[in-house]
Protein backbone atom coordinates (compact mmCIF):
# COMPACT_ATOMS: atom_id res chain seq x y z
CA MET A 1 162.04 -78.88 177.34
CA ILE A 2 159.00 -76.85 176.07
CA LEU A 3 156.71 -78.60 178.53
CA GLN A 4 158.90 -77.82 181.50
CA THR A 5 159.26 -74.16 180.46
CA VAL A 6 155.48 -73.73 180.03
CA ILE A 7 154.96 -75.26 183.52
CA LYS A 8 157.64 -72.94 184.96
CA ILE A 9 155.99 -69.90 183.37
CA LEU A 10 152.58 -70.90 184.67
CA SER A 11 154.02 -71.38 188.17
CA GLU A 12 155.65 -67.94 188.04
CA ILE A 13 152.53 -66.21 186.71
CA LYS A 14 150.42 -67.77 189.45
CA GLU A 15 153.15 -66.98 191.99
CA SER A 16 152.81 -70.55 193.15
CA PRO A 17 156.07 -72.58 193.29
CA GLU A 18 154.21 -75.68 194.33
CA LEU A 19 152.66 -75.83 190.78
CA LEU A 20 156.04 -76.96 189.52
CA SER A 21 155.41 -80.36 191.06
CA THR A 22 151.65 -80.59 190.55
CA LEU A 23 151.10 -79.52 186.95
CA LYS A 24 150.91 -82.36 184.48
CA PRO A 25 150.69 -82.43 180.64
CA GLU A 26 146.97 -83.12 180.86
CA THR A 27 146.24 -80.19 183.24
CA ASP A 28 143.63 -77.78 181.82
CA ILE A 29 145.18 -74.30 181.71
CA VAL A 30 141.87 -72.46 181.89
CA ASN A 31 139.87 -74.56 184.35
CA GLU A 32 142.52 -76.11 186.55
CA VAL A 33 145.30 -73.51 186.64
CA GLY A 34 142.73 -70.72 186.75
CA LEU A 35 144.52 -67.78 185.17
CA ASP A 36 142.58 -64.54 185.46
CA SER A 37 142.60 -62.14 182.49
CA LEU A 38 145.71 -60.21 183.56
CA GLN A 39 147.54 -63.47 184.31
CA MET A 40 146.57 -64.82 180.90
CA ILE A 41 148.01 -61.74 179.19
CA ASN A 42 151.21 -62.09 181.21
CA PHE A 43 151.35 -65.77 180.37
CA VAL A 44 151.04 -65.10 176.64
CA LEU A 45 153.70 -62.40 176.80
CA ALA A 46 156.05 -64.64 178.72
CA ILE A 47 155.52 -67.50 176.26
CA GLU A 48 156.25 -65.16 173.31
CA ASP A 49 159.43 -63.97 174.97
CA ALA A 50 160.57 -67.39 175.99
CA PHE A 51 160.03 -69.08 172.63
CA GLY A 52 160.50 -66.24 170.20
CA VAL A 53 157.00 -66.63 168.73
CA GLU A 54 154.12 -64.29 168.22
CA ILE A 55 150.79 -65.88 169.06
CA ASP A 56 148.43 -65.08 166.26
CA PHE A 57 144.98 -64.86 167.82
CA ASP A 58 143.34 -65.22 164.41
CA ASN A 59 144.60 -68.84 164.39
CA PHE A 60 144.46 -69.46 168.13
CA ASP A 61 141.63 -71.52 169.54
CA ILE A 62 140.51 -71.99 173.13
CA GLU A 63 141.11 -75.72 172.60
CA HIS A 64 144.82 -74.94 172.62
CA LEU A 65 144.39 -74.21 176.31
CA SER A 66 142.51 -77.39 177.07
CA SER A 67 145.69 -78.93 178.46
CA ILE A 68 149.34 -77.97 178.85
CA GLN A 69 150.17 -80.67 176.27
CA ALA A 70 147.72 -79.17 173.74
CA PHE A 71 149.34 -75.76 174.25
CA VAL A 72 152.82 -77.26 173.86
CA ALA A 73 151.72 -78.90 170.65
CA TYR A 74 150.43 -75.52 169.39
CA LEU A 75 153.78 -73.86 170.39
CA GLU A 76 155.79 -76.59 168.59
CA LYS A 77 153.73 -76.06 165.41
CA GLU A 78 154.20 -72.24 165.63
CA ARG A 79 157.99 -72.57 166.31
CA ALA A 80 158.34 -74.96 163.35
CA ALA A 81 156.53 -72.42 161.12
CA VAL A 82 158.87 -69.64 162.26
CA VAL A 83 161.91 -71.80 161.63
CA ASN A 84 160.62 -72.76 158.17
CA GLY A 85 159.84 -69.12 157.39
CA ALA A 86 156.09 -69.58 157.15
CA GLY A 87 155.25 -68.33 160.60
CA GLY A 88 154.67 -64.98 162.07
CA GLN A 89 152.69 -62.17 160.57
CA ALA A 90 153.77 -60.70 157.32
CA ALA A 91 155.10 -57.22 157.67
CA GLU A 92 152.57 -54.75 156.43
CA GLN A 93 153.66 -52.68 153.47
CA PRO A 94 152.75 -49.03 153.55
CA ILE A 95 150.16 -48.08 151.03
CA TYR A 96 150.93 -44.91 149.10
CA ASP A 97 148.29 -43.04 147.09
């Protein structure tokens, strides 16, 4: 389910319906799909919307984009953390002097 959704989002971001049939779990998102910087931003935003997660770039590594499967594994870990209450960023408390 997650894999198919990620592939669908990549296809939509690239505006290339043929990617639906050519992208595989081992496809490198950076080097083979070839998202430019704006497409990468749109991809991240679409992923966050689709899966209800917030990608924390302090914990995100370029290796997570080495394949679609690696990215799916990252998403599964993030979703599990959200479900278990450990994910997401803690709300900042205002500091009063």
